[in-house]
Amino acid sequence: MGGEEKEEKEQQHAEETATQEEHAASASTAAAAEGAEGNGEEKTAEELLEIGGAFLQEGKYEDAIRIYKEILKRRPTLPTLAKACNDCGVAYASLEQYELAVKFFNAAADLREYLIDDGISVFQNLARVYSLLGDEQKAERNRQIAENLRKEFIRRNKEIQQMFSQF
């Protein structure tokens, strides 16, 4: 077997292995989404949020949306609800279903105090979607809200750091 032929077979094997690993990871994520097998345990909304995030990262937007909608049915904690709404908006935006994305982003915006970044990402997401929809006025308004929230977030963090530095 010549050097080129051997190299080609090694490349083919590497690609097959990568594909198998990708399918295995996807299958395990899908199985996790279905709940604990055989013992009747149902995933919590927080566990589902992690699974939805994995689908989102894998580009499996329809699966992510299915998971986020399941979370909404479970009456989750407000922080989980806020994150699920934002992430569902991201999934819809990725599918170019911008009107649905806006609805979920607006729901997340209403819950922004429960998000770790105080809703900065929600308003940035809204700005991007409105820009894609050609509504630059709404896009700019949401960019400004995101910027104001970012400045306030930084100010509060500095204030907190100063408070703790006294100890």
Foldseek 3Di string as FASTA:
>chain_A
DDPVVVVVVVVVVVVVVVVVVVVVVVVVLVVVLVPDPPPPDHDALVSLLVSLVVCVVVLVLVVSLVSLVVSVVVPDDLLSVLSSLQSNLVSCVSVVVLVSSLVSLVVSLVSQCSYPLSSLVSLCSQLVSCVVVVNNVSNVVSPVVSVVSNVVSVVVVVVVVVVVVVD
